[in-house]
Amino acid sequence: MDQQTISRDGTPIAYQRTGQGPAVVLVSGAMSTGATVAPLAARLSDRFSVVVYDRRGRGGSGDTAPYTVAREVEDLAELIEAAGGEAALYGISSGGALALRAAASGLPVREVAVYETPFADYGGGVQERAEYTRNLTEALAQGRRGDAVELFLRLTGMAPQMIANARQSPMWAAMEAIAPTLAYDDAAMGDGLVPRERLASITVPVLAVAGGASPEWLRRATRAVAEAAPQGTYRALEGQTHMVDPEVLAPVLAEFFAG
C-alpha cells in the first residue's frame, strides 16, 4: 500500500489506487488484507479507478480503540473522498456486510456489490453465531489468538485435520497477528441475520453474487440480500465457491459497475 488517508478518529488507513475511470473501492473479508482483493483489482483497473485498502487493524493501517462498525464506515467515507468523492463498493464475505452498511448510511455510493455475505439465515444459525461471538470474545480477552483463529476456521466449516495442519504452517503467525480483527468482522455481521430493514433503506443498485458450487445456505442468504434491497439483483456463478476466481467475477462486476 503506497498511499494513506486519515480517518475521522485519527487512524491511518493504507490504500492503493490503480487504473482510470469511475472509482470502485474493494472491501476484504475476515482474516484478509487489501492484498487479498488485489488480483480482482488488477482485472478491473482497465475500466475503473480501483482502490484496495487494509482495513483498520491489518497490514499497513493503524487501529484505535474502542472499535465500532461506525468507525469502519468512516474509513470508507475517507477512502471515497480520496477517490474523488463518489465510488461504487464491492465487499466479499463479511466485507460485504460492511459495504452494505456504508451504502445504507448514506455515503456517496453509486452501486454496491457483495459476494456471499454469510448471513446465518438457517436453522440454528443465530444460536451458532451467538456462541461463536461469546467464545471469540473470551479467547481474545485471554490473549488466545490461535484459539480465536481456530474458532473462525471451524465456523467456516474447515475440517479439524485441516485446522491442525494450518496451525503448523508458516502462515499461522500472520493469521494470529490479525486475529483481533475477527471481532470487527463479527460486529459487522450483527446478529447474523439478513438485515432486511437496513437493506430496504439502500437507494442505489445492489448486486448480490454467490457461487453455484457453494453451500445452499450461502446461496439462499445471498439471494435474500438481493430480495431485500429495493434495486437488488441476484447472480450465481456456475462452478464457483466462496474462494471465487477473480477471472470469473471481474466481468460480472465490470458490467454492473458500468451501469
C-alpha atoms as a PDB file:
ATOM      1  CA  MET A   1       0.000   0.000   0.000  1.00  0.00           C
ATOM      2  CA  ASP A   2       1.647   3.210  -1.147  1.00  0.00           C
ATOM      3  CA  GLN A   3      -0.903   5.815  -0.048  1.00  0.00           C
ATOM      4  CA  GLN A   4      -2.552   6.773   3.213  1.00  0.00           C
ATOM      5  CA  THR A   5      -5.604   8.656   4.406  1.00  0.00           C
ATOM      6  CA  ILE A   6      -6.516   9.603   7.951  1.00  0.00           C
ATOM      7  CA  SER A   7      -9.916   8.538   9.226  1.00  0.00           C
ATOM      8  CA  ARG A   8     -12.099  10.747  11.371  1.00  0.00           C
ATOM      9  CA  ASP A   9     -10.763   9.282  14.635  1.00  0.00           C
ATOM     10  CA  GLY A  10      -7.144   9.806  13.563  1.00  0.00           C
ATOM     11  CA  THR A  11      -6.481   6.242  12.400  1.00  0.00           C
ATOM     12  CA  PRO A  12      -4.195   5.986   9.351  1.00  0.00           C
ATOM     13  CA  ILE A  13      -5.698   3.819   6.598  1.00  0.00           C
ATOM     14  CA  ALA A  14      -3.297   2.446   3.990  1.00  0.00           C
ATOM     15  CA  TYR A  15      -4.554   2.060   0.442  1.00  0.00           C
ATOM     16  CA  GLN A  16      -3.529   1.672  -3.176  1.00  0.00           C
ATOM     17  CA  ARG A  17      -5.246   3.042  -6.258  1.00  0.00           C
ATOM     18  CA  THR A  18      -4.822   1.641  -9.756  1.00  0.00           C
ATOM     19  CA  GLY A  19      -6.423   2.250 -13.146  1.00  0.00           C
ATOM     20  CA  GLN A  20      -8.529   5.021 -14.634  1.00  0.00           C
ATOM     21  CA  GLY A  21     -12.270   5.620 -14.728  1.00  0.00           C
ATOM     22  CA  PRO A  22     -15.108   5.662 -12.201  1.00  0.00           C
ATOM     23  CA  ALA A  23     -13.921   4.830  -8.680  1.00  0.00           C
ATOM     24  CA  VAL A  24     -14.521   1.398  -7.132  1.00  0.00           C
ATOM     25  CA  VAL A  25     -13.480   0.523  -3.568  1.00  0.00           C
ATOM     26  CA  LEU A  26     -12.897  -3.157  -2.741  1.00  0.00           C
ATOM     27  CA  VAL A  27     -13.595  -4.316   0.833  1.00  0.00           C
ATOM     28  CA  SER A  28     -11.901  -7.502   2.034  1.00  0.00           C
ATOM     29  CA  GLY A  29     -13.401 -10.015   4.453  1.00  0.00           C
ATOM     30  CA  ALA A  30     -12.236 -11.649   7.671  1.00  0.00           C
ATOM     31  CA  MET A  31      -8.567 -12.627   8.081  1.00  0.00           C
ATOM     32  CA  SER A  32      -7.767 -10.658   4.922  1.00  0.00           C
ATOM     33  CA  THR A  33      -5.924  -7.509   3.882  1.00  0.00           C
ATOM     34  CA  GLY A  34      -6.064  -5.363   0.782  1.00  0.00           C
ATOM     35  CA  ALA A  35      -3.637  -7.767  -0.872  1.00  0.00           C
ATOM     36  CA  THR A  36      -6.370 -10.417  -0.826  1.00  0.00           C
ATOM     37  CA  VAL A  37      -8.506  -8.474  -3.300  1.00  0.00           C
ATOM     38  CA  ALA A  38      -5.601  -7.071  -5.333  1.00  0.00           C
ATOM     39  CA  PRO A  39      -5.941  -9.761  -8.058  1.00  0.00           C
ATOM     40  CA  LEU A  40      -9.548  -8.656  -8.590  1.00  0.00           C
ATOM     41  CA  ALA A  41      -8.450  -5.012  -8.676  1.00  0.00           C
ATOM     42  CA  ALA A  42      -5.962  -5.812 -11.411  1.00  0.00           C
ATOM     43  CA  ARG A  43      -8.753  -7.229 -13.567  1.00  0.00           C
ATOM     44  CA  LEU A  44     -10.980  -4.178 -13.074  1.00  0.00           C
ATOM     45  CA  SER A  45      -8.353  -1.464 -13.463  1.00  0.00           C
ATOM     46  CA  ASP A  46      -8.623  -1.302 -17.251  1.00  0.00           C
ATOM     47  CA  ARG A  47     -12.095   0.260 -16.863  1.00  0.00           C
ATOM     48  CA  PHE A  48     -12.144   1.669 -13.333  1.00  0.00           C
ATOM     49  CA  SER A  49     -10.035   3.500 -10.802  1.00  0.00           C
ATOM     50  CA  VAL A  50      -9.837   0.746  -8.191  1.00  0.00           C
ATOM     51  CA  VAL A  51      -8.983   1.295  -4.528  1.00  0.00           C
ATOM     52  CA  VAL A  52      -7.819  -1.591  -2.337  1.00  0.00           C
ATOM     53  CA  TYR A  53      -7.059  -0.910   1.318  1.00  0.00           C
ATOM     54  CA  ASP A  54      -6.041  -2.537   4.565  1.00  0.00           C
ATOM     55  CA  ARG A  55      -8.976  -2.395   6.925  1.00  0.00           C
ATOM     56  CA  ARG A  56      -8.115  -0.981  10.360  1.00  0.00           C
ATOM     57  CA  GLY A  57      -6.013  -3.313  12.487  1.00  0.00           C
ATOM     58  CA  ARG A  58      -4.491  -5.010   9.433  1.00  0.00           C
ATOM     59  CA  GLY A  59      -1.452  -4.634   7.199  1.00  0.00           C
ATOM     60  CA  GLY A  60      -0.260  -1.065   6.869  1.00  0.00           C
ATOM     61  CA  SER A  61      -3.276   0.540   8.571  1.00  0.00           C
ATOM     62  CA  GLY A  62      -3.469   1.620  12.181  1.00  0.00           C
ATOM     63  CA  ASP A  63      -6.116   0.956  14.792  1.00  0.00           C
ATOM     64  CA  THR A  64      -7.840   2.951  17.511  1.00  0.00           C
ATOM     65  CA  ALA A  65      -9.790   1.566  20.463  1.00  0.00           C
ATOM     66  CA  PRO A  66     -12.605   1.117  21.133  1.00  0.00           C
ATOM     67  CA  TYR A  67     -13.749  -0.491  17.884  1.00  0.00           C
ATOM     68  CA  THR A  68     -17.150   0.258  16.401  1.00  0.00           C
ATOM     69  CA  VAL A  69     -18.527  -0.637  12.991  1.00  0.00           C
ATOM     70  CA  ALA A  70     -19.308   3.051  12.518  1.00  0.00           C
ATOM     71  CA  ARG A  71     -15.578   3.765  12.522  1.00  0.00           C
ATOM     72  CA  GLU A  72     -15.052   1.359   9.641  1.00  0.00           C
ATOM     73  CA  VAL A  73     -17.823   3.144   7.770  1.00  0.00           C
ATOM     74  CA  GLU A  74     -15.940   6.384   8.441  1.00  0.00           C
ATOM     75  CA  ASP A  75     -12.814   4.750   6.991  1.00  0.00           C
ATOM     76  CA  LEU A  76     -14.763   4.061   3.807  1.00  0.00           C
ATOM     77  CA  ALA A  77     -16.031   7.645   3.771  1.00  0.00           C
ATOM     78  CA  GLU A  78     -12.432   8.903   3.760  1.00  0.00           C
ATOM     79  CA  LEU A  79     -11.408   6.452   1.039  1.00  0.00           C
ATOM     80  CA  ILE A  80     -14.342   7.507  -1.137  1.00  0.00           C
ATOM     81  CA  GLU A  81     -13.364  11.137  -0.637  1.00  0.00           C
ATOM     82  CA  ALA A  82      -9.764  10.329  -1.592  1.00  0.00           C
ATOM     83  CA  ALA A  83     -11.055   8.535  -4.688  1.00  0.00           C
ATOM     84  CA  GLY A  84     -12.890  11.625  -5.917  1.00  0.00           C
ATOM     85  CA  GLY A  85     -15.955  11.966  -3.713  1.00  0.00           C
ATOM     86  CA  GLU A  86     -18.081   9.136  -5.122  1.00  0.00           C
ATOM     87  CA  ALA A  87     -17.468   5.413  -5.623  1.00  0.00           C
ATOM     88  CA  ALA A  88     -19.005   2.024  -6.135  1.00  0.00           C
ATOM     89  CA  LEU A  89     -18.338  -0.559  -3.415  1.00  0.00           C
ATOM     90  CA  TYR A  90     -17.597  -4.271  -3.590  1.00  0.00           C
ATOM     91  CA  GLY A  91     -17.341  -6.408  -0.464  1.00  0.00           C
ATOM     92  CA  ILE A  92     -16.549 -10.101  -0.170  1.00  0.00           C
ATOM     93  CA  SER A  93     -17.893 -12.259   2.668  1.00  0.00           C
ATOM     94  CA  SER A  94     -18.118 -10.218   5.905  1.00  0.00           C
ATOM     95  CA  GLY A  95     -16.639  -7.288   3.971  1.00  0.00           C
ATOM     96  CA  GLY A  96     -19.949  -7.316   2.139  1.00  0.00           C
ATOM     97  CA  ALA A  97     -21.780  -6.608   5.389  1.00  0.00           C
ATOM     98  CA  LEU A  98     -19.567  -3.551   5.866  1.00  0.00           C
ATOM     99  CA  ALA A  99     -20.124  -2.379   2.281  1.00  0.00           C
ATOM    100  CA  LEU A 100     -23.895  -2.708   2.704  1.00  0.00           C
ATOM    101  CA  ARG A 101     -23.776  -0.746   5.977  1.00  0.00           C
ATOM    102  CA  ALA A 102     -21.812   2.002   4.248  1.00  0.00           C
ATOM    103  CA  ALA A 103     -24.337   2.201   1.420  1.00  0.00           C
ATOM    104  CA  ALA A 104     -27.248   2.277   3.864  1.00  0.00           C
ATOM    105  CA  SER A 105     -25.570   5.031   5.902  1.00  0.00           C
ATOM    106  CA  GLY A 106     -25.875   7.470   3.033  1.00  0.00           C
ATOM    107  CA  LEU A 107     -22.254   7.654   1.850  1.00  0.00           C
ATOM    108  CA  PRO A 108     -21.833   8.833  -1.779  1.00  0.00           C
ATOM    109  CA  VAL A 109     -22.024   5.314  -3.241  1.00  0.00           C
ATOM    110  CA  ARG A 110     -23.143   4.695  -6.843  1.00  0.00           C
ATOM    111  CA  GLU A 111     -23.662   0.942  -6.599  1.00  0.00           C
ATOM    112  CA  VAL A 112     -22.761  -1.801  -4.137  1.00  0.00           C
ATOM    113  CA  ALA A 113     -21.899  -5.408  -4.985  1.00  0.00           C
ATOM    114  CA  VAL A 114     -21.327  -8.207  -2.489  1.00  0.00           C
ATOM    115  CA  TYR A 115     -20.132 -11.783  -2.762  1.00  0.00           C
ATOM    116  CA  GLU A 116     -21.543 -14.377  -0.363  1.00  0.00           C
ATOM    117  CA  THR A 117     -22.018 -12.316   2.782  1.00  0.00           C
ATOM    118  CA  PRO A 118     -22.524 -15.234   5.208  1.00  0.00           C
ATOM    119  CA  PHE A 119     -25.735 -14.261   6.952  1.00  0.00           C
ATOM    120  CA  ALA A 120     -26.968 -17.142   9.088  1.00  0.00           C
ATOM    121  CA  ASP A 121     -30.496 -17.482   7.746  1.00  0.00           C
ATOM    122  CA  TYR A 122     -30.732 -21.191   8.519  1.00  0.00           C
ATOM    123  CA  GLY A 123     -31.958 -23.325  11.410  1.00  0.00           C
ATOM    124  CA  GLY A 124     -29.786 -22.784  14.453  1.00  0.00           C
ATOM    125  CA  GLY A 125     -27.713 -20.177  12.661  1.00  0.00           C
ATOM    126  CA  VAL A 126     -28.332 -17.324  15.069  1.00  0.00           C
ATOM    127  CA  GLN A 127     -27.560 -19.527  18.086  1.00  0.00           C
ATOM    128  CA  GLU A 128     -24.381 -20.760  16.392  1.00  0.00           C
ATOM    129  CA  ARG A 129     -23.255 -17.181  15.719  1.00  0.00           C
ATOM    130  CA  ALA A 130     -24.051 -16.101  19.288  1.00  0.00           C
ATOM    131  CA  GLU A 131     -21.954 -18.965  20.650  1.00  0.00           C
ATOM    132  CA  TYR A 132     -19.134 -18.032  18.275  1.00  0.00           C
ATOM    133  CA  THR A 133     -19.279 -14.420  19.468  1.00  0.00           C
ATOM    134  CA  ARG A 134     -19.070 -15.487  23.136  1.00  0.00           C
ATOM    135  CA  ASN A 135     -16.185 -17.885  22.557  1.00  0.00           C
ATOM    136  CA  LEU A 136     -14.324 -15.432  20.300  1.00  0.00           C
ATOM    137  CA  THR A 137     -14.666 -12.601  22.820  1.00  0.00           C
ATOM    138  CA  GLU A 138     -13.343 -14.859  25.586  1.00  0.00           C
ATOM    139  CA  ALA A 139     -10.399 -16.144  23.541  1.00  0.00           C
ATOM    140  CA  LEU A 140      -9.311 -12.647  22.515  1.00  0.00           C
ATOM    141  CA  ALA A 141      -9.725 -11.275  26.053  1.00  0.00           C
ATOM    142  CA  GLN A 142      -7.420 -14.032  27.306  1.00  0.00           C
ATOM    143  CA  GLY A 143      -4.858 -13.441  24.553  1.00  0.00           C
ATOM    144  CA  ARG A 144      -5.516 -16.834  22.957  1.00  0.00           C
ATOM    145  CA  ARG A 145      -5.159 -15.624  19.388  1.00  0.00           C
ATOM    146  CA  GLY A 146      -4.544 -19.072  17.944  1.00  0.00           C
ATOM    147  CA  ASP A 147      -7.756 -20.341  19.504  1.00  0.00           C
ATOM    148  CA  ALA A 148      -9.594 -17.324  18.072  1.00  0.00           C
ATOM    149  CA  VAL A 149      -8.369 -18.173  14.584  1.00  0.00           C
ATOM    150  CA  GLU A 150      -9.386 -21.802  15.096  1.00  0.00           C
ATOM    151  CA  LEU A 151     -12.884 -20.738  16.168  1.00  0.00           C
ATOM    152  CA  PHE A 152     -13.244 -18.765  12.952  1.00  0.00           C
ATOM    153  CA  LEU A 153     -11.958 -21.606  10.785  1.00  0.00           C
ATOM    154  CA  ARG A 154     -14.381 -24.006  12.460  1.00  0.00           C
ATOM    155  CA  LEU A 155     -17.223 -21.540  11.781  1.00  0.00           C
ATOM    156  CA  THR A 156     -16.304 -21.592   8.085  1.00  0.00           C
ATOM    157  CA  GLY A 157     -16.612 -25.383   8.091  1.00  0.00           C
ATOM    158  CA  MET A 158     -12.929 -26.247   7.824  1.00  0.00           C
ATOM    159  CA  ALA A 159     -12.199 -29.841   8.837  1.00  0.00           C
ATOM    160  CA  PRO A 160     -10.351 -30.407  12.160  1.00  0.00           C
ATOM    161  CA  GLN A 161      -7.362 -32.030  10.467  1.00  0.00           C
ATOM    162  CA  MET A 162      -7.010 -29.105   8.068  1.00  0.00           C
ATOM    163  CA  ILE A 163      -7.059 -26.706  11.022  1.00  0.00           C
ATOM    164  CA  ALA A 164      -4.400 -28.784  12.775  1.00  0.00           C
ATOM    165  CA  ASN A 165      -2.277 -28.645   9.641  1.00  0.00           C
ATOM    166  CA  ALA A 166      -2.808 -24.882   9.349  1.00  0.00           C
ATOM    167  CA  ARG A 167      -1.552 -24.404  12.917  1.00  0.00           C
ATOM    168  CA  GLN A 168       1.768 -25.931  11.836  1.00  0.00           C
ATOM    169  CA  SER A 169       2.032 -23.868   8.655  1.00  0.00           C
ATOM    170  CA  PRO A 170       4.178 -20.748   8.099  1.00  0.00           C
ATOM    171  CA  MET A 171       1.040 -18.664   7.545  1.00  0.00           C
ATOM    172  CA  TRP A 172      -0.303 -19.258  11.076  1.00  0.00           C
ATOM    173  CA  ALA A 173       1.732 -16.445  12.664  1.00  0.00           C
ATOM    174  CA  ALA A 174       0.300 -13.929  10.203  1.00  0.00           C
ATOM    175  CA  MET A 175      -3.213 -15.179  10.954  1.00  0.00           C
ATOM    176  CA  GLU A 176      -2.657 -14.795  14.688  1.00  0.00           C
ATOM    177  CA  ALA A 177      -1.332 -11.268  14.115  1.00  0.00           C
ATOM    178  CA  ILE A 178      -4.691 -10.042  12.790  1.00  0.00           C
ATOM    179  CA  ALA A 179      -6.856 -12.327  14.957  1.00  0.00           C
ATOM    180  CA  PRO A 180      -8.225  -9.361  16.986  1.00  0.00           C
ATOM    181  CA  THR A 181      -9.925  -8.116  13.808  1.00  0.00           C
ATOM    182  CA  LEU A 182     -12.113 -11.224  13.809  1.00  0.00           C
ATOM    183  CA  ALA A 183     -14.170  -9.346  16.404  1.00  0.00           C
ATOM    184  CA  TYR A 184     -14.530  -6.472  13.931  1.00  0.00           C
ATOM    185  CA  ASP A 185     -15.978  -8.719  11.235  1.00  0.00           C
ATOM    186  CA  ASP A 186     -18.212 -10.388  13.798  1.00  0.00           C
ATOM    187  CA  ALA A 187     -19.557  -6.958  14.783  1.00  0.00           C
ATOM    188  CA  ALA A 188     -20.132  -6.025  11.147  1.00  0.00           C
ATOM    189  CA  MET A 189     -22.276  -9.149  10.738  1.00  0.00           C
ATOM    190  CA  GLY A 190     -24.612  -8.008  13.540  1.00  0.00           C
ATOM    191  CA  ASP A 191     -26.821 -10.792  14.890  1.00  0.00           C
ATOM    192  CA  GLY A 192     -26.049 -12.885  11.823  1.00  0.00           C
ATOM    193  CA  LEU A 193     -29.438 -12.484  10.163  1.00  0.00           C
ATOM    194  CA  VAL A 194     -30.033 -10.743   6.835  1.00  0.00           C
ATOM    195  CA  PRO A 195     -30.518  -7.071   7.876  1.00  0.00           C
ATOM    196  CA  ARG A 196     -33.676  -6.624   5.820  1.00  0.00           C
ATOM    197  CA  GLU A 197     -34.658  -3.259   7.295  1.00  0.00           C
ATOM    198  CA  ARG A 198     -31.210  -1.806   6.606  1.00  0.00           C
ATOM    199  CA  LEU A 199     -31.140  -3.252   3.097  1.00  0.00           C
ATOM    200  CA  ALA A 200     -34.579  -1.794   2.388  1.00  0.00           C
ATOM    201  CA  SER A 201     -33.140   1.677   3.016  1.00  0.00           C
ATOM    202  CA  ILE A 202     -30.425   1.390   0.346  1.00  0.00           C
ATOM    203  CA  THR A 203     -31.373   3.656  -2.545  1.00  0.00           C
ATOM    204  CA  VAL A 204     -28.726   2.517  -5.068  1.00  0.00           C
ATOM    205  CA  PRO A 205     -28.468  -0.684  -7.129  1.00  0.00           C
ATOM    206  CA  VAL A 206     -27.272  -3.759  -5.218  1.00  0.00           C
ATOM    207  CA  LEU A 207     -25.758  -6.852  -6.843  1.00  0.00           C
ATOM    208  CA  ALA A 208     -25.549  -9.943  -4.638  1.00  0.00           C
ATOM    209  CA  VAL A 209     -23.404 -12.725  -6.121  1.00  0.00           C
ATOM    210  CA  ALA A 210     -22.961 -16.333  -4.994  1.00  0.00           C
ATOM    211  CA  GLY A 211     -21.036 -19.323  -6.250  1.00  0.00           C
ATOM    212  CA  GLY A 212     -23.109 -22.020  -7.863  1.00  0.00           C
ATOM    213  CA  ALA A 213     -20.977 -24.667  -6.124  1.00  0.00           C
ATOM    214  CA  SER A 214     -21.212 -23.014  -2.693  1.00  0.00           C
ATOM    215  CA  PRO A 215     -23.391 -24.415   0.119  1.00  0.00           C
ATOM    216  CA  GLU A 216     -27.103 -23.941  -0.415  1.00  0.00           C
ATOM    217  CA  TRP A 217     -27.464 -21.792   2.724  1.00  0.00           C
ATOM    218  CA  LEU A 218     -24.912 -19.288   1.402  1.00  0.00           C
ATOM    219  CA  ARG A 219     -26.731 -19.022  -1.913  1.00  0.00           C
ATOM    220  CA  ARG A 220     -30.039 -18.590  -0.074  1.00  0.00           C
ATOM    221  CA  ALA A 221     -28.593 -15.838   2.142  1.00  0.00           C
ATOM    222  CA  THR A 222     -27.164 -14.075  -0.909  1.00  0.00           C
ATOM    223  CA  ARG A 223     -30.494 -14.221  -2.706  1.00  0.00           C
ATOM    224  CA  ALA A 224     -32.183 -12.808   0.411  1.00  0.00           C
ATOM    225  CA  VAL A 225     -29.862  -9.791   0.292  1.00  0.00           C
ATOM    226  CA  ALA A 226     -30.899  -9.093  -3.291  1.00  0.00           C
ATOM    227  CA  GLU A 227     -34.585  -9.529  -2.485  1.00  0.00           C
ATOM    228  CA  ALA A 228     -34.443  -7.153   0.494  1.00  0.00           C
ATOM    229  CA  ALA A 229     -32.788  -4.315  -1.441  1.00  0.00           C
ATOM    230  CA  PRO A 230     -35.229  -2.203  -3.497  1.00  0.00           C
ATOM    231  CA  GLN A 231     -32.891  -2.327  -6.523  1.00  0.00           C
ATOM    232  CA  GLY A 232     -31.362  -5.725  -5.793  1.00  0.00           C
ATOM    233  CA  THR A 233     -30.191  -8.308  -8.321  1.00  0.00           C
ATOM    234  CA  TYR A 234     -29.024 -11.864  -7.623  1.00  0.00           C
ATOM    235  CA  ARG A 235     -26.409 -13.692  -9.693  1.00  0.00           C
ATOM    236  CA  ALA A 236     -24.972 -17.191  -9.313  1.00  0.00           C
ATOM    237  CA  LEU A 237     -21.619 -18.010 -10.910  1.00  0.00           C
ATOM    238  CA  GLU A 238     -21.575 -21.582 -12.161  1.00  0.00           C
ATOM    239  CA  GLY A 239     -18.905 -23.761 -10.600  1.00  0.00           C
ATOM    240  CA  GLN A 240     -17.638 -21.101  -8.189  1.00  0.00           C
ATOM    241  CA  THR A 241     -17.222 -21.455  -4.423  1.00  0.00           C
ATOM    242  CA  HIS A 242     -16.535 -18.976  -1.613  1.00  0.00           C
ATOM    243  CA  MET A 243     -12.972 -18.752  -2.981  1.00  0.00           C
ATOM    244  CA  VAL A 244     -14.228 -17.108  -6.169  1.00  0.00           C
ATOM    245  CA  ASP A 245     -11.949 -16.847  -9.201  1.00  0.00           C
ATOM    246  CA  PRO A 246     -11.247 -13.153  -9.983  1.00  0.00           C
ATOM    247  CA  GLU A 247     -11.223 -14.020 -13.702  1.00  0.00           C
ATOM    248  CA  VAL A 248     -14.839 -15.158 -13.442  1.00  0.00           C
ATOM    249  CA  LEU A 249     -16.060 -12.453 -11.065  1.00  0.00           C
ATOM    250  CA  ALA A 250     -14.454  -9.393 -12.661  1.00  0.00           C
ATOM    251  CA  PRO A 251     -16.550  -9.294 -15.857  1.00  0.00           C
ATOM    252  CA  VAL A 252     -19.752  -9.577 -13.810  1.00  0.00           C
ATOM    253  CA  LEU A 253     -18.725  -6.691 -11.575  1.00  0.00           C
ATOM    254  CA  ALA A 254     -17.499  -4.601 -14.503  1.00  0.00           C
ATOM    255  CA  GLU A 255     -20.851  -4.934 -16.258  1.00  0.00           C
ATOM    256  CA  PHE A 256     -22.712  -3.947 -13.085  1.00  0.00           C
ATOM    257  CA  PHE A 257     -20.472  -1.008 -12.214  1.00  0.00           C
ATOM    258  CA  ALA A 258     -20.612   0.286 -15.792  1.00  0.00           C
ATOM    259  CA  GLY A 259     -24.349   0.759 -15.329  1.00  0.00           C
END
